[in-house]
């Protein structure tokens, strides 16, 4: 079946996306709020872009995160890697002067990549 696909369609099927959210007051750790490949990954990315959620590309990290269940907090083993994503998001928010006070939702962070 894949033999009949265009290069663009093949690339879309290989694309993965994972959305994370972290609420400092309610969550013990960031949690996966959406994940998918192909068309679903493209929709996750499109929705993130439409809502101004930063996109962070890390194919290795998305491969691990895509195996987690929706609404599951990330495991301790991924804290360091996800901390880099959150630092990226906070830095972008700070540069845009849209930092929200502590305790408010961070707005989520998009993580995309081919996995």
N, C-alpha and C. Protein backbone atom coordinates (compact mmCIF):
# COMPACT_ATOMS: atom_id res chain seq x y z
N UNK A 1 0.82 -1.20 0.00
CA UNK A 1 0.00 0.00 0.00
C UNK A 1 0.86 1.25 0.00
N UNK A 2 1.95 1.26 0.75
CA UNK A 2 2.80 2.44 0.83
C UNK A 2 3.48 2.73 -0.50
N UNK A 3 3.55 1.74 -1.40
CA UNK A 3 4.17 1.94 -2.71
C UNK A 3 3.40 2.95 -3.55
N UNK A 4 2.11 3.12 -3.30
CA UNK A 4 1.28 4.03 -4.08
C UNK A 4 1.28 5.45 -3.53
N UNK A 5 2.00 5.71 -2.44
CA UNK A 5 2.00 7.02 -1.81
C UNK A 5 3.05 7.94 -2.41
N UNK A 6 2.77 9.25 -2.37
CA UNK A 6 3.76 10.23 -2.80
C UNK A 6 4.78 10.40 -1.68
N UNK A 7 5.89 11.05 -1.97
CA UNK A 7 6.91 11.31 -0.94
C UNK A 7 6.32 12.13 0.20
N UNK A 8 5.49 13.11 -0.11
CA UNK A 8 4.87 13.95 0.92
C UNK A 8 3.97 13.11 1.82
N UNK A 9 3.20 12.21 1.24
CA UNK A 9 2.33 11.34 2.04
C UNK A 9 3.15 10.40 2.92
N UNK A 10 4.25 9.88 2.39
CA UNK A 10 5.13 9.00 3.18
C UNK A 10 5.73 9.76 4.36
N UNK A 11 6.16 11.00 4.11
CA UNK A 11 6.73 11.83 5.19
C UNK A 11 5.69 12.10 6.26
N UNK A 12 4.45 12.36 5.85
CA UNK A 12 3.39 12.63 6.82
C UNK A 12 3.13 11.41 7.69
N UNK A 13 3.19 10.22 7.12
CA UNK A 13 2.96 9.01 7.90
C UNK A 13 4.06 8.79 8.93
N UNK A 14 5.26 9.24 8.63
CA UNK A 14 6.39 9.06 9.55
C UNK A 14 6.44 10.13 10.63
N UNK A 15 5.70 11.19 10.48
CA UNK A 15 5.72 12.30 11.44
C UNK A 15 4.99 11.90 12.71
N UNK A 16 5.55 12.27 13.83
CA UNK A 16 4.94 12.05 15.15
C UNK A 16 4.85 13.38 15.88
N UNK A 17 3.85 13.53 16.72
CA UNK A 17 3.73 14.72 17.57
C UNK A 17 3.17 14.30 18.92
N UNK A 18 3.65 14.99 19.95
CA UNK A 18 3.17 14.79 21.31
C UNK A 18 2.96 16.16 21.92
N UNK A 19 1.83 16.35 22.56
CA UNK A 19 1.54 17.61 23.26
C UNK A 19 1.67 17.37 24.75
N UNK A 20 2.33 18.31 25.43
CA UNK A 20 2.52 18.23 26.87
C UNK A 20 1.83 19.42 27.53
N UNK A 21 1.41 19.22 28.76
CA UNK A 21 0.86 20.32 29.55
C UNK A 21 1.37 20.17 30.97
N UNK A 22 1.58 21.31 31.61
CA UNK A 22 2.07 21.28 32.99
C UNK A 22 1.44 22.42 33.78
N UNK A 23 0.73 22.06 34.83
CA UNK A 23 0.14 23.03 35.74
C UNK A 23 0.86 22.85 37.08
N UNK A 24 1.64 23.83 37.47
CA UNK A 24 2.47 23.72 38.67
C UNK A 24 1.68 23.44 39.93
N UNK A 25 0.44 23.90 39.99
CA UNK A 25 -0.36 23.70 41.20
C UNK A 25 -1.06 22.35 41.24
N UNK A 26 -1.37 21.80 40.08
CA UNK A 26 -2.15 20.57 40.05
C UNK A 26 -1.37 19.32 39.64
N UNK A 27 -0.33 19.48 38.86
CA UNK A 27 0.39 18.34 38.32
C UNK A 27 1.71 18.11 39.07
N UNK A 28 2.01 16.85 39.33
CA UNK A 28 3.30 16.52 39.92
C UNK A 28 4.42 16.60 38.89
N UNK A 29 4.05 16.44 37.62
CA UNK A 29 5.00 16.50 36.51
C UNK A 29 4.21 16.82 35.24
N UNK A 30 4.91 17.24 34.18
CA UNK A 30 4.21 17.45 32.92
C UNK A 30 3.51 16.15 32.49
N UNK A 31 2.42 16.32 31.76
CA UNK A 31 1.69 15.13 31.31
C UNK A 31 1.39 15.23 29.82
N UNK A 32 1.23 14.07 29.21
CA UNK A 32 0.91 13.97 27.79
C UNK A 32 -0.57 14.26 27.61
N UNK A 33 -0.90 15.23 26.76
CA UNK A 33 -2.31 15.56 26.52
C UNK A 33 -2.78 15.15 25.13
N UNK A 34 -1.86 14.87 24.23
CA UNK A 34 -2.21 14.38 22.89
C UNK A 34 -0.97 13.73 22.30
N UNK A 35 -1.20 12.73 21.47
CA UNK A 35 -0.10 12.09 20.76
C UNK A 35 -0.63 11.43 19.50
N UNK A 36 0.19 11.35 18.49
CA UNK A 36 -0.25 10.68 17.28
C UNK A 36 0.77 10.77 16.18
N UNK A 37 0.51 10.03 15.12
CA UNK A 37 1.41 10.02 13.97
C UNK A 37 0.61 10.37 12.72
N UNK A 38 1.34 10.66 11.66
CA UNK A 38 0.71 10.95 10.38
C UNK A 38 -0.24 12.12 10.45
N UNK A 39 -1.48 11.88 10.01
CA UNK A 39 -2.49 12.93 9.97
C UNK A 39 -2.75 13.51 11.36
N UNK A 40 -2.82 12.64 12.37
CA UNK A 40 -3.07 13.10 13.75
C UNK A 40 -1.94 14.03 14.20
N UNK A 41 -0.70 13.67 13.88
CA UNK A 41 0.45 14.52 14.24
C UNK A 41 0.33 15.88 13.58
N UNK A 42 -0.06 15.89 12.32
CA UNK A 42 -0.22 17.16 11.62
C UNK A 42 -1.32 18.01 12.26
N UNK A 43 -2.41 17.38 12.70
CA UNK A 43 -3.49 18.12 13.37
C UNK A 43 -3.03 18.69 14.71
N UNK A 44 -2.26 17.90 15.48
CA UNK A 44 -1.73 18.37 16.77
C UNK A 44 -0.88 19.61 16.54
N UNK A 45 -0.01 19.54 15.55
CA UNK A 45 0.88 20.67 15.25
C UNK A 45 0.08 21.88 14.77
N UNK A 46 -0.91 21.64 13.91
CA UNK A 46 -1.73 22.74 13.39
C UNK A 46 -2.49 23.43 14.53
N UNK A 47 -3.09 22.66 15.41
CA UNK A 47 -3.83 23.23 16.54
C UNK A 47 -2.89 24.01 17.46
N UNK A 48 -1.71 23.47 17.70
CA UNK A 48 -0.72 24.17 18.53
C UNK A 48 -0.36 25.51 17.90
N UNK A 49 -0.10 25.50 16.60
CA UNK A 49 0.26 26.74 15.91
C UNK A 49 -0.89 27.75 15.96
N UNK A 50 -2.12 27.28 15.78
CA UNK A 50 -3.28 28.18 15.80
C UNK A 50 -3.47 28.83 17.18
N UNK A 51 -3.02 28.14 18.23
CA UNK A 51 -3.18 28.66 19.59
C UNK A 51 -1.90 29.26 20.16
N UNK A 52 -0.90 29.43 19.30
CA UNK A 52 0.34 30.06 19.74
C UNK A 52 1.18 29.21 20.68
N UNK A 53 0.97 27.90 20.66
CA UNK A 53 1.76 27.00 21.50
C UNK A 53 3.07 26.72 20.78
N UNK A 54 4.20 26.95 21.46
CA UNK A 54 5.50 26.73 20.82
C UNK A 54 5.69 25.26 20.40
N UNK A 55 6.38 25.09 19.30
CA UNK A 55 6.71 23.77 18.78
C UNK A 55 8.21 23.53 19.01
N UNK A 56 8.52 22.44 19.63
CA UNK A 56 9.91 22.07 19.93
C UNK A 56 10.16 20.74 19.24
N UNK A 57 11.15 20.68 18.38
CA UNK A 57 11.40 19.46 17.63
C UNK A 57 12.53 18.65 18.28
N UNK A 58 12.19 17.42 18.63
CA UNK A 58 13.16 16.49 19.20
C UNK A 58 12.70 15.07 18.89
N UNK A 59 13.16 14.51 17.77
CA UNK A 59 12.70 13.19 17.34
C UNK A 59 12.93 12.09 18.39
N UNK A 60 14.03 12.14 19.11
CA UNK A 60 14.29 11.11 20.12
C UNK A 60 13.30 11.21 21.27
N UNK A 61 13.06 12.42 21.75
CA UNK A 61 12.14 12.61 22.86
C UNK A 61 10.72 12.24 22.46
N UNK A 62 10.29 12.64 21.28
CA UNK A 62 8.93 12.34 20.85
C UNK A 62 8.72 10.83 20.73
N UNK A 63 9.79 10.12 20.40
CA UNK A 63 9.68 8.66 20.31
C UNK A 63 9.34 8.06 21.68
N UNK A 64 9.98 8.55 22.73
CA UNK A 64 9.69 8.06 24.09
C UNK A 64 8.31 8.51 24.55
N UNK A 65 8.01 9.80 24.36
CA UNK A 65 6.75 10.36 24.84
C UNK A 65 5.53 9.75 24.13
N UNK A 66 5.70 9.37 22.87
CA UNK A 66 4.58 8.83 22.11
C UNK A 66 4.12 7.48 22.64
N UNK A 67 4.92 6.85 23.47
CA UNK A 67 4.56 5.55 24.05
C UNK A 67 3.76 5.70 25.35
N UNK A 68 3.66 6.92 25.86
CA UNK A 68 2.93 7.15 27.11
C UNK A 68 1.43 7.30 26.84
N UNK A 69 0.64 6.90 27.81
CA UNK A 69 -0.81 7.06 27.72
C UNK A 69 -1.18 8.53 27.87
N UNK A 70 -2.31 8.91 27.26
CA UNK A 70 -2.83 10.27 27.39
C UNK A 70 -3.15 10.53 28.87
N UNK A 71 -2.85 11.73 29.33
CA UNK A 71 -3.04 12.18 30.72
C UNK A 71 -2.08 11.53 31.70
N UNK A 72 -1.10 10.81 31.22
CA UNK A 72 -0.11 10.22 32.10
C UNK A 72 1.03 11.22 32.31
N UNK A 73 1.45 11.36 33.57
CA UNK A 73 2.61 12.21 33.84
C UNK A 73 3.85 11.52 33.29
N UNK A 74 4.79 12.34 32.85
CA UNK A 74 6.01 11.76 32.30
C UNK A 74 6.79 11.06 33.41
N UNK A 75 7.52 10.00 33.08
CA UNK A 75 8.30 9.30 34.09
C UNK A 75 9.55 10.10 34.48
N UNK A 76 10.05 9.82 35.67
CA UNK A 76 11.22 10.52 36.20
C UNK A 76 12.38 10.50 35.21
N UNK A 77 12.53 9.42 34.49
CA UNK A 77 13.65 9.28 33.54
C UNK A 77 13.62 10.34 32.44
N UNK A 78 12.47 10.94 32.19
CA UNK A 78 12.36 11.94 31.13
C UNK A 78 12.32 13.37 31.65
N UNK A 79 12.43 13.55 32.97
CA UNK A 79 12.35 14.89 33.55
C UNK A 79 13.36 15.85 32.93
N UNK A 80 14.60 15.45 32.82
CA UNK A 80 15.64 16.35 32.30
C UNK A 80 15.34 16.78 30.87
N UNK A 81 14.97 15.83 30.03
CA UNK A 81 14.69 16.15 28.63
C UNK A 81 13.48 17.07 28.51
N UNK A 82 12.42 16.79 29.27
CA UNK A 82 11.22 17.63 29.21
C UNK A 82 11.48 18.99 29.85
N UNK A 83 12.37 19.05 30.83
CA UNK A 83 12.73 20.34 31.43
C UNK A 83 13.33 21.26 30.37
N UNK A 84 14.09 20.69 29.43
CA UNK A 84 14.65 21.49 28.34
C UNK A 84 13.53 22.06 27.45
N UNK A 85 12.50 21.26 27.23
CA UNK A 85 11.35 21.72 26.44
C UNK A 85 10.65 22.87 27.16
N UNK A 86 10.39 22.67 28.46
CA UNK A 86 9.71 23.72 29.22
C UNK A 86 10.54 24.99 29.31
N UNK A 87 11.85 24.85 29.45
CA UNK A 87 12.73 26.03 29.46
C UNK A 87 12.63 26.77 28.13
N UNK A 88 12.58 26.03 27.04
CA UNK A 88 12.41 26.60 25.71
C UNK A 88 11.10 27.40 25.64
N UNK A 89 10.01 26.80 26.13
CA UNK A 89 8.70 27.45 26.11
C UNK A 89 8.70 28.71 26.97
N UNK A 90 9.22 28.59 28.20
CA UNK A 90 9.24 29.75 29.09
C UNK A 90 10.10 30.87 28.52
N UNK A 91 11.21 30.51 27.87
CA UNK A 91 12.08 31.51 27.26
C UNK A 91 11.33 32.24 26.14
N UNK A 92 10.61 31.50 25.30
CA UNK A 92 9.83 32.13 24.24
C UNK A 92 8.74 33.03 24.81
N UNK A 93 8.06 32.54 25.85
CA UNK A 93 7.02 33.35 26.49
C UNK A 93 7.60 34.62 27.09
N UNK A 94 8.77 34.50 27.69
CA UNK A 94 9.42 35.65 28.31
C UNK A 94 9.80 36.69 27.25
N UNK A 95 10.34 36.19 26.14
CA UNK A 95 10.74 37.10 25.06
C UNK A 95 9.52 37.80 24.47
N UNK A 96 8.38 37.14 24.48
CA UNK A 96 7.17 37.73 23.94
C UNK A 96 6.42 38.54 24.99
N UNK A 97 6.98 38.59 26.21
CA UNK A 97 6.37 39.31 27.33
C UNK A 97 4.96 38.82 27.64
N UNK A 98 4.79 37.51 27.54
CA UNK A 98 3.48 36.93 27.82
C UNK A 98 3.57 35.89 28.93
N UNK A 99 4.53 36.04 29.82
CA UNK A 99 4.68 35.10 30.92
C UNK A 99 3.48 35.22 31.83
N UNK A 100 2.90 34.07 32.19
CA UNK A 100 1.74 34.05 33.08
C UNK A 100 2.22 33.89 34.51
N UNK A 101 1.51 34.43 35.47
CA UNK A 101 1.92 34.30 36.87
C UNK A 101 1.99 32.84 37.30
N UNK A 102 2.83 32.56 38.29
CA UNK A 102 2.97 31.20 38.81
C UNK A 102 1.61 30.67 39.21
N UNK A 103 1.40 29.40 38.90
CA UNK A 103 0.14 28.79 39.24
C UNK A 103 -0.82 28.74 38.08
N UNK A 104 -0.66 29.60 37.10
CA UNK A 104 -1.50 29.53 35.91
C UNK A 104 -0.91 28.50 34.97
N UNK A 105 -1.71 27.99 34.09
CA UNK A 105 -1.22 27.01 33.13
C UNK A 105 -0.14 27.65 32.27
N UNK A 106 0.84 26.85 31.93
CA UNK A 106 1.94 27.36 31.13
C UNK A 106 1.52 27.53 29.68
N UNK A 107 0.34 27.08 29.31
CA UNK A 107 -0.09 27.16 27.92
C UNK A 107 0.27 25.91 27.17
N UNK A 108 0.93 24.96 27.83
CA UNK A 108 1.33 23.73 27.17
C UNK A 108 2.58 23.92 26.36
N UNK A 109 3.09 22.85 25.90
CA UNK A 109 4.25 22.91 25.03
C UNK A 109 4.14 21.81 24.00
N UNK A 110 4.37 22.14 22.76
CA UNK A 110 4.32 21.15 21.71
C UNK A 110 5.69 20.52 21.49
N UNK A 111 5.71 19.25 21.33
CA UNK A 111 6.94 18.53 21.04
C UNK A 111 6.69 17.76 19.76
N UNK A 112 7.48 18.01 18.74
CA UNK A 112 7.27 17.30 17.49
C UNK A 112 8.57 16.70 17.00
N UNK A 113 8.45 15.78 16.11
CA UNK A 113 9.64 15.21 15.50
C UNK A 113 9.26 13.97 14.74
N UNK A 114 10.19 13.48 14.00
CA UNK A 114 9.94 12.22 13.31
C UNK A 114 10.53 11.12 14.15
N UNK A 115 9.77 10.12 14.44
CA UNK A 115 10.22 9.09 15.34
C UNK A 115 10.18 7.72 14.79
